[in-house]
């Protein structure tokens, strides 16, 4: 057992920002007790008045899929040999020994949703994993956790360059509908109790069954207003769960997103506008969506923004007016809920995994540092 004492604890369980002087008792990798704790059996850890928080969660990145400082040999995020690839699984492409996993720990990012990029209309499944460990099978929180689909410029650019479909937004939507109609038919046949109605095994269709069973959402890469509307339209046509990822122009359509109660994963808002659909990129997007009452997570899209700078992305949102606590929620409990892992991570509560970070000061102050990071009750990173 481990007993953390003398920390300023921000549990992320409350409606307002509230640092508490409480002890945290950890047993077998779980949070066992909060409050005034005494234990002769526990190993004491003196936090010396630093800030204890749940680990940050990046709800959309490509950690381990594009390895650091490596070209083609380490690029495993886009299988650009066909626009529809639901059968691909992120866990078969992630290299957990890539040094950016250590970068994640140094930035307090203890969990991520990582997976294929946006070259394909349907790129395969994401996995939600912890960032500590050397074997991906032992790091999984939820797998599969989402089915990646993409709208807008990226699939158009890739496949028009191959003189094949899709080369327009119409074709992107048509390609997606085609596979979803096929999967819907396959799903309905599988529900039949008659043996003769059972469909012939189809590897791609089997990969889509968790989507139609509503165990995982479509994870929609969509920047521009029209692409966001198309993602929503198609998800509603097939009665599927949906997260909107990037949502770059979300602040231009906030009332409609509010009407849909959209789950929004915003970013990467830092950096240059490298293509047309990023024309309206702004750090104010997350602020506007949160103020409309939507559940918002802030992401890096690593390696677009290096994973260790997730807190910096949130800090810039605060700079343009986002509430400080809302920004912290967008790095912790909100992504945990959106990714459907809030029963294990995202806040400090009895029964949850002891995935904790001790900060030298305000986590959104880029001058402050991670003193240590703990995953499953074990310290996996210490400040040099």
Protein backbone atom coordinates (compact mmCIF):
# COMPACT_ATOMS: atom_id res chain seq x y z
CA UNK A 1 0.00 0.00 0.00
CA UNK A 2 1.05 3.60 -0.66
CA UNK A 3 -0.15 6.63 1.29
CA UNK A 4 0.25 10.05 -0.38
CA UNK A 5 0.20 12.85 2.17
CA UNK A 6 0.49 16.65 2.19
CA UNK A 7 -0.65 17.13 -1.41
CA UNK A 8 -3.08 19.73 -2.71
CA UNK A 9 -5.49 17.32 -4.39
CA UNK A 10 -7.65 18.25 -7.35
CA UNK A 11 -9.93 15.25 -7.75
CA UNK A 12 -11.82 16.49 -10.86
CA UNK A 13 -14.94 15.03 -9.23
CA UNK A 14 -16.50 18.38 -8.36
CA UNK A 15 -18.36 21.06 -10.29
CA UNK A 16 -15.84 23.77 -9.43
CA UNK A 17 -12.09 23.94 -8.99
CA UNK A 18 -11.37 22.82 -5.42
CA UNK A 19 -7.92 21.86 -4.13
CA UNK A 20 -8.28 19.70 -1.03
CA UNK A 21 -5.78 18.82 1.69
CA UNK A 22 -6.58 15.11 1.74
CA UNK A 23 -4.60 11.88 1.92
CA UNK A 24 -4.78 9.28 -0.84
CA UNK A 25 -4.38 5.61 0.03
CA UNK A 26 -3.50 3.23 -2.79
CA UNK A 27 -3.74 -0.53 -2.65
CA UNK A 28 -3.08 -3.02 -5.47
CA UNK A 29 -3.03 -0.27 -8.07
CA UNK A 30 -6.40 1.20 -7.08
CA UNK A 31 -7.44 4.23 -5.02
CA UNK A 32 -8.67 2.70 -1.79
CA UNK A 33 -9.38 5.67 0.47
CA UNK A 34 -9.52 9.48 0.41
CA UNK A 35 -9.57 11.84 3.38
CA UNK A 36 -7.68 11.74 6.63
CA UNK A 37 -5.93 8.38 6.44
CA UNK A 38 -3.62 6.63 8.86
CA UNK A 39 -2.01 3.32 8.01
CA UNK A 40 0.97 1.56 9.55
CA UNK A 41 1.13 -0.85 6.62
CA UNK A 42 1.38 1.78 3.86
CA UNK A 43 4.56 3.24 2.42
CA UNK A 44 4.38 7.00 2.90
CA UNK A 45 4.93 9.47 0.06
CA UNK A 46 5.29 13.11 1.10
CA UNK A 47 3.92 15.38 -1.66
CA UNK A 48 5.21 18.51 0.13
CA UNK A 49 2.29 20.73 -0.85
CA UNK A 50 2.52 20.03 -4.60
CA UNK A 51 -0.59 19.50 -6.74
CA UNK A 52 -1.90 15.96 -7.18
CA UNK A 53 -4.17 15.32 -10.16
CA UNK A 54 -5.45 12.43 -12.25
CA UNK A 55 -3.31 11.77 -15.30
CA UNK A 56 -4.10 13.71 -18.46
CA UNK A 57 -5.86 11.90 -21.32
CA UNK A 58 -5.34 12.69 -25.00
CA UNK A 59 -8.56 11.63 -26.71
CA UNK A 60 -7.13 11.77 -30.24
CA UNK A 61 -3.53 11.20 -31.23
CA UNK A 62 -1.34 8.82 -33.19
CA UNK A 63 1.14 7.95 -30.46
CA UNK A 64 3.30 5.00 -31.46
CA UNK A 65 1.88 4.96 -35.00
CA UNK A 66 4.38 7.43 -36.44
CA UNK A 67 7.62 6.78 -34.58
CA UNK A 68 9.86 9.63 -33.53
CA UNK A 69 12.73 10.69 -35.83
CA UNK A 70 12.02 7.82 -38.24
CA UNK A 71 10.70 8.07 -41.78
CA UNK A 72 8.89 5.38 -43.75
CA UNK A 73 10.22 2.59 -41.54
CA UNK A 74 8.32 3.91 -38.54
CA UNK A 75 5.22 5.27 -40.29
CA UNK A 76 2.38 2.82 -39.68
CA UNK A 77 -0.64 5.07 -39.39
CA UNK A 78 -2.17 5.04 -42.88
CA UNK A 79 -2.71 2.00 -45.10
CA UNK A 80 -3.21 3.89 -48.35
CA UNK A 81 -4.07 0.93 -50.58
CA UNK A 82 -7.84 1.34 -50.41
CA UNK A 83 -10.24 3.87 -48.89
CA UNK A 84 -12.21 1.36 -46.77
CA UNK A 85 -10.11 -0.52 -44.21
CA UNK A 86 -12.27 -1.28 -41.11
CA UNK A 87 -10.32 -4.47 -40.39
CA UNK A 88 -7.13 -2.61 -39.41
CA UNK A 89 -6.38 -2.43 -35.66
CA UNK A 90 -4.20 0.21 -34.05
CA UNK A 91 -2.72 -2.29 -31.60
CA UNK A 92 -0.96 -4.01 -34.52
CA UNK A 93 0.78 -0.76 -35.49
CA UNK A 94 1.64 0.86 -32.15
CA UNK A 95 5.24 0.67 -30.99
CA UNK A 96 5.08 1.18 -27.21
CA UNK A 97 8.89 1.30 -27.05
CA UNK A 98 8.95 4.52 -29.06
CA UNK A 99 10.53 7.27 -26.97
CA UNK A 100 7.47 9.50 -27.28
CA UNK A 101 5.76 7.31 -24.69
CA UNK A 102 8.33 8.60 -22.22
CA UNK A 103 7.60 12.11 -23.47
CA UNK A 104 3.93 11.51 -22.69
CA UNK A 105 4.75 10.53 -19.12
CA UNK A 106 6.96 13.60 -18.70
CA UNK A 107 3.96 15.75 -19.66
CA UNK A 108 1.55 14.00 -17.31
CA UNK A 109 -0.29 12.25 -20.17
CA UNK A 110 -1.04 8.81 -18.76
CA UNK A 111 -3.64 7.61 -21.27
CA UNK A 112 -4.38 8.20 -24.94
CA UNK A 113 -6.73 7.15 -27.68
CA UNK A 114 -4.42 6.38 -30.57
CA UNK A 115 -4.94 4.93 -34.00
CA UNK A 116 -4.87 5.36 -37.77
CA UNK A 117 -4.73 8.67 -39.56
CA UNK A 118 -7.17 10.29 -41.94
CA UNK A 119 -5.93 9.18 -45.37
CA UNK A 120 -8.79 6.69 -45.71
CA UNK A 121 -12.54 7.15 -45.58
CA UNK A 122 -12.51 4.32 -43.01
CA UNK A 123 -9.11 3.73 -41.54
CA UNK A 124 -9.56 1.07 -38.85
CA UNK A 125 -9.98 0.98 -35.10
CA UNK A 126 -8.43 3.14 -32.40
CA UNK A 127 -7.29 1.79 -29.04
CA UNK A 128 -7.44 3.58 -25.70
CA UNK A 129 -4.28 2.70 -23.82
CA UNK A 130 -2.10 3.72 -20.92
CA UNK A 131 1.24 5.27 -21.79
CA UNK A 132 3.35 3.22 -19.37
CA UNK A 133 4.51 -0.27 -20.28
CA UNK A 134 6.49 -2.11 -22.90
CA UNK A 135 3.87 -4.52 -24.26
CA UNK A 136 0.77 -3.06 -25.87
CA UNK A 137 -1.44 -5.98 -24.80
CA UNK A 138 -0.84 -5.03 -21.14
CA UNK A 139 -1.50 -1.30 -21.67
CA UNK A 140 -5.04 -1.50 -23.07
CA UNK A 141 -7.93 0.29 -21.40
CA UNK A 142 -10.40 -0.32 -24.22
CA UNK A 143 -9.83 -1.99 -27.59
CA UNK A 144 -11.35 -1.43 -30.00
CA UNK A 145 -12.41 1.98 -28.73
CA UNK A 146 -13.59 3.66 -31.95
CA UNK A 147 -13.80 3.21 -35.72
CA UNK A 148 -11.91 5.96 -37.54
CA UNK A 149 -13.65 7.67 -40.47
CA UNK A 150 -12.49 10.78 -42.30
CA UNK A 151 -14.11 13.57 -44.27
CA UNK A 152 -12.75 16.57 -46.11
CA UNK A 153 -9.45 17.14 -47.85
CA UNK A 154 -7.33 14.19 -46.73
CA UNK A 155 -9.06 11.20 -48.38
CA UNK A 156 -9.77 13.36 -51.43
CA UNK A 157 -6.09 14.22 -51.81
CA UNK A 158 -4.82 10.67 -51.30
CA UNK A 159 -7.17 8.92 -53.73
CA UNK A 160 -7.44 11.59 -56.40
CA UNK A 161 -3.64 11.27 -56.51
CA UNK A 162 -4.17 7.59 -57.32
CA UNK A 163 -6.86 8.41 -59.91
CA UNK A 164 -9.42 6.51 -57.88
CA UNK A 165 -12.42 7.18 -55.67
CA UNK A 166 -12.96 9.28 -53.65
CA UNK A 167 -11.85 12.48 -55.32
CA UNK A 168 -14.84 14.52 -54.11
CA UNK A 169 -16.72 14.95 -50.84
CA UNK A 170 -19.70 13.25 -52.50
CA UNK A 171 -17.65 10.16 -53.17
CA UNK A 172 -16.28 10.14 -49.63
CA UNK A 173 -19.81 10.05 -48.25
CA UNK A 174 -20.86 7.45 -50.83
CA UNK A 175 -17.92 5.17 -50.01
CA UNK A 176 -18.80 5.38 -46.33
CA UNK A 177 -22.52 4.75 -46.88
CA UNK A 178 -21.73 1.78 -49.10
CA UNK A 179 -19.77 -0.05 -46.42
CA UNK A 180 -22.25 0.92 -43.68
CA UNK A 181 -25.24 -0.39 -45.66
CA UNK A 182 -23.37 -3.63 -46.22
CA UNK A 183 -22.48 -3.83 -42.53
CA UNK A 184 -26.04 -3.06 -41.47
CA UNK A 185 -27.34 -5.93 -43.58
CA UNK A 186 -24.65 -8.23 -42.17
CA UNK A 187 -25.51 -7.13 -38.62
CA UNK A 188 -29.24 -7.71 -39.08
CA UNK A 189 -28.64 -11.19 -40.49
CA UNK A 190 -26.41 -12.02 -37.54
CA UNK A 191 -29.27 -11.08 -35.19
CA UNK A 192 -31.50 -13.72 -36.74
CA UNK A 193 -32.09 -16.85 -34.69
CA UNK A 194 -32.38 -18.93 -37.85
CA UNK A 195 -29.20 -20.74 -38.81
CA UNK A 196 -29.97 -20.41 -42.52
CA UNK A 197 -30.10 -16.60 -42.19
CA UNK A 198 -26.56 -16.30 -40.85
CA UNK A 199 -24.25 -14.45 -43.24
CA UNK A 200 -21.07 -15.90 -44.65
CA UNK A 201 -18.11 -14.75 -42.54
CA UNK A 202 -16.71 -11.42 -43.72
CA UNK A 203 -13.58 -10.08 -42.00
CA UNK A 204 -14.33 -6.42 -42.76
CA UNK A 205 -17.94 -6.70 -41.65
CA UNK A 206 -16.97 -8.40 -38.40
CA UNK A 207 -14.75 -5.40 -37.62
CA UNK A 208 -17.81 -3.16 -37.91
CA UNK A 209 -20.04 -5.17 -35.60
CA UNK A 210 -18.98 -3.26 -32.43
CA UNK A 211 -20.09 -0.07 -34.20
CA UNK A 212 -23.58 -1.42 -34.94
CA UNK A 213 -23.81 -2.89 -31.45
CA UNK A 214 -23.08 0.66 -30.21
CA UNK A 215 -20.13 -0.53 -28.16
CA UNK A 216 -17.85 1.90 -29.98
CA UNK A 217 -18.50 5.13 -31.95
CA UNK A 218 -17.50 6.33 -35.35
CA UNK A 219 -14.53 8.63 -34.73
CA UNK A 220 -15.01 11.28 -37.38
CA UNK A 221 -12.13 13.40 -38.63
CA UNK A 222 -13.96 16.57 -39.67
CA UNK A 223 -12.64 20.13 -39.74
CA UNK A 224 -15.05 22.16 -41.88
CA UNK A 225 -18.70 22.94 -41.17
CA UNK A 226 -20.02 21.00 -44.16
CA UNK A 227 -17.93 17.93 -43.29
CA UNK A 228 -19.13 18.03 -39.67
CA UNK A 229 -22.75 18.14 -40.88
CA UNK A 230 -22.09 15.15 -43.18
CA UNK A 231 -20.59 13.15 -40.32
CA UNK A 232 -23.64 13.86 -38.17
CA UNK A 233 -26.03 13.11 -41.03
CA UNK A 234 -24.53 9.70 -41.79
CA UNK A 235 -24.30 8.68 -38.12
CA UNK A 236 -27.99 9.52 -37.70
CA UNK A 237 -28.96 7.67 -40.89
CA UNK A 238 -27.52 4.44 -39.47
CA UNK A 239 -28.32 5.19 -35.81
CA UNK A 240 -24.66 5.01 -34.76
CA UNK A 241 -22.67 6.62 -31.96
CA UNK A 242 -20.35 9.43 -33.04
CA UNK A 243 -17.51 11.58 -31.79
CA UNK A 244 -16.49 14.67 -33.73
CA UNK A 245 -12.71 14.96 -33.86
CA UNK A 246 -10.91 18.23 -34.72
CA UNK A 247 -14.19 20.20 -35.04
CA UNK A 248 -12.09 23.13 -36.26
CA UNK A 249 -15.12 25.18 -37.35
CA UNK A 250 -17.28 24.07 -34.44
CA UNK A 251 -17.51 27.61 -33.11
CA UNK A 252 -19.22 28.61 -36.37
CA UNK A 253 -22.04 26.09 -35.89
CA UNK A 254 -22.32 25.92 -32.13
CA UNK A 255 -26.12 25.98 -31.95
CA UNK A 256 -26.41 22.95 -34.19
CA UNK A 257 -23.75 21.07 -32.21
CA UNK A 258 -25.63 21.95 -29.05
CA UNK A 259 -28.86 20.64 -30.59
CA UNK A 260 -27.11 17.35 -31.42
CA UNK A 261 -25.38 17.19 -28.00
CA UNK A 262 -22.23 16.38 -29.91
CA UNK A 263 -19.18 14.89 -28.23
CA UNK A 264 -16.33 17.09 -29.40
CA UNK A 265 -12.59 16.39 -29.38
CA UNK A 266 -11.02 19.71 -30.34
CA UNK A 267 -7.63 20.42 -31.88
CA UNK A 268 -4.86 20.61 -32.73
CA UNK A 269 -5.37 24.36 -32.45
CA UNK A 270 -1.66 25.18 -32.23
CA UNK A 271 0.46 25.69 -35.36
CA UNK A 272 0.04 27.07 -38.84
CA UNK A 273 -2.97 26.73 -41.14
CA UNK A 274 -1.46 24.16 -43.46
CA UNK A 275 -4.54 23.56 -45.64
CA UNK A 276 -7.74 25.25 -46.74
CA UNK A 277 -10.03 23.54 -44.23
CA UNK A 278 -7.99 25.00 -41.34
CA UNK A 279 -8.80 28.58 -42.35
CA UNK A 280 -10.84 29.23 -39.18
CA UNK A 281 -8.60 27.36 -36.72
CA UNK A 282 -8.75 29.06 -33.33
CA UNK A 283 -8.08 28.37 -29.65
CA UNK A 284 -11.51 29.88 -28.99
CA UNK A 285 -13.29 26.83 -30.44
CA UNK A 286 -13.04 24.77 -27.25
CA UNK A 287 -14.13 27.74 -25.13
CA UNK A 288 -17.22 28.41 -27.26
CA UNK A 289 -18.29 24.76 -27.26
CA UNK A 290 -17.83 24.38 -23.50
CA UNK A 291 -19.82 27.55 -22.83
CA UNK A 292 -22.62 26.05 -24.94
CA UNK A 293 -22.78 23.14 -22.51
CA UNK A 294 -21.07 20.53 -24.69
CA UNK A 295 -18.67 17.88 -23.42
CA UNK A 296 -15.30 18.82 -24.86
CA UNK A 297 -11.86 17.21 -24.85
CA UNK A 298 -8.68 18.93 -26.02
CA UNK A 299 -6.23 16.87 -28.08
CA UNK A 300 -2.75 17.11 -29.59
CA UNK A 301 -3.17 14.95 -32.71
CA UNK A 302 0.41 13.89 -31.88
CA UNK A 303 2.81 14.11 -33.64
CA UNK A 304 1.18 17.31 -34.94
CA UNK A 305 1.62 18.74 -31.44
CA UNK A 306 4.15 16.72 -29.42
CA UNK A 307 2.25 14.68 -26.85
CA UNK A 308 4.02 16.25 -23.86
CA UNK A 309 2.52 19.65 -24.74
CA UNK A 310 -1.11 18.67 -24.24
CA UNK A 311 -1.23 21.04 -21.26
CA UNK A 312 0.08 23.84 -23.46
CA UNK A 313 -2.81 23.38 -25.88
CA UNK A 314 -5.23 23.79 -22.96
CA UNK A 315 -3.29 26.75 -21.57
CA UNK A 316 -3.74 28.66 -24.82
CA UNK A 317 -7.48 28.02 -24.59
CA UNK A 318 -7.42 29.60 -21.12
CA UNK A 319 -5.47 32.52 -22.53
CA UNK A 320 -8.36 33.36 -24.88
CA UNK A 321 -10.95 33.13 -22.11
CA UNK A 322 -11.73 29.49 -21.37
CA UNK A 323 -12.35 28.80 -17.70
CA UNK A 324 -9.28 27.26 -16.03
CA UNK A 325 -11.21 24.35 -14.51
CA UNK A 326 -13.06 23.67 -17.77
CA UNK A 327 -9.66 23.40 -19.48
CA UNK A 328 -8.49 20.87 -16.89
CA UNK A 329 -11.73 18.92 -17.32
CA UNK A 330 -11.03 18.83 -21.06
CA UNK A 331 -7.79 16.96 -20.25
CA UNK A 332 -9.17 14.57 -17.63
CA UNK A 333 -12.75 13.64 -16.86
CA UNK A 334 -14.25 14.82 -20.17
CA UNK A 335 -12.04 12.65 -22.42
CA UNK A 336 -12.51 9.76 -19.98
CA UNK A 337 -16.28 10.02 -20.47
CA UNK A 338 -16.08 10.50 -24.22
CA UNK A 339 -13.80 7.46 -24.51
CA UNK A 340 -16.01 5.42 -22.16
CA UNK A 341 -13.25 4.74 -19.63
CA UNK A 342 -14.41 7.06 -16.82
CA UNK A 343 -15.05 4.07 -14.58
CA UNK A 344 -11.26 3.64 -14.40
CA UNK A 345 -9.52 6.95 -15.05
CA UNK A 346 -10.15 10.68 -15.42
CA UNK A 347 -10.63 11.61 -11.77
CA UNK A 348 -9.39 10.72 -8.31
CA UNK A 349 -12.08 8.58 -6.71
CA UNK A 350 -12.25 5.42 -4.64
CA UNK A 351 -12.12 2.34 -6.83
CA UNK A 352 -10.46 4.00 -9.82
CA UNK A 353 -6.99 3.18 -11.12
CA UNK A 354 -4.18 4.96 -9.26
CA UNK A 355 -3.03 6.86 -12.36
CA UNK A 356 -1.84 10.07 -10.74
CA UNK A 357 0.48 12.97 -11.45
CA UNK A 358 2.20 15.25 -8.94
CA UNK A 359 2.77 18.72 -10.39
CA UNK A 360 5.18 21.32 -9.04
CA UNK A 361 2.47 23.96 -9.57
CA UNK A 362 -0.46 24.84 -11.84
CA UNK A 363 -0.51 22.14 -14.57
CA UNK A 364 -1.51 24.77 -17.14
CA UNK A 365 1.52 26.93 -16.36
CA UNK A 366 4.14 25.78 -18.86
CA UNK A 367 6.91 26.69 -16.40
CA UNK A 368 5.69 24.01 -13.97
CA UNK A 369 6.80 20.39 -14.22
CA UNK A 370 5.71 16.87 -13.48
CA UNK A 371 7.45 15.83 -10.24
CA UNK A 372 6.42 12.21 -10.68
CA UNK A 373 3.79 10.18 -12.51
CA UNK A 374 2.15 7.01 -11.24
CA UNK A 375 0.31 4.35 -13.24
CA UNK A 376 -1.53 1.53 -11.48
CA UNK A 377 0.02 2.63 -8.20
CA UNK A 378 3.61 2.46 -9.45
CA UNK A 379 5.78 5.51 -10.11
CA UNK A 380 6.76 5.27 -13.78
CA UNK A 381 8.37 8.70 -14.21
CA UNK A 382 10.36 11.06 -12.00
CA UNK A 383 11.53 14.55 -12.88
CA UNK A 384 15.26 14.39 -13.70
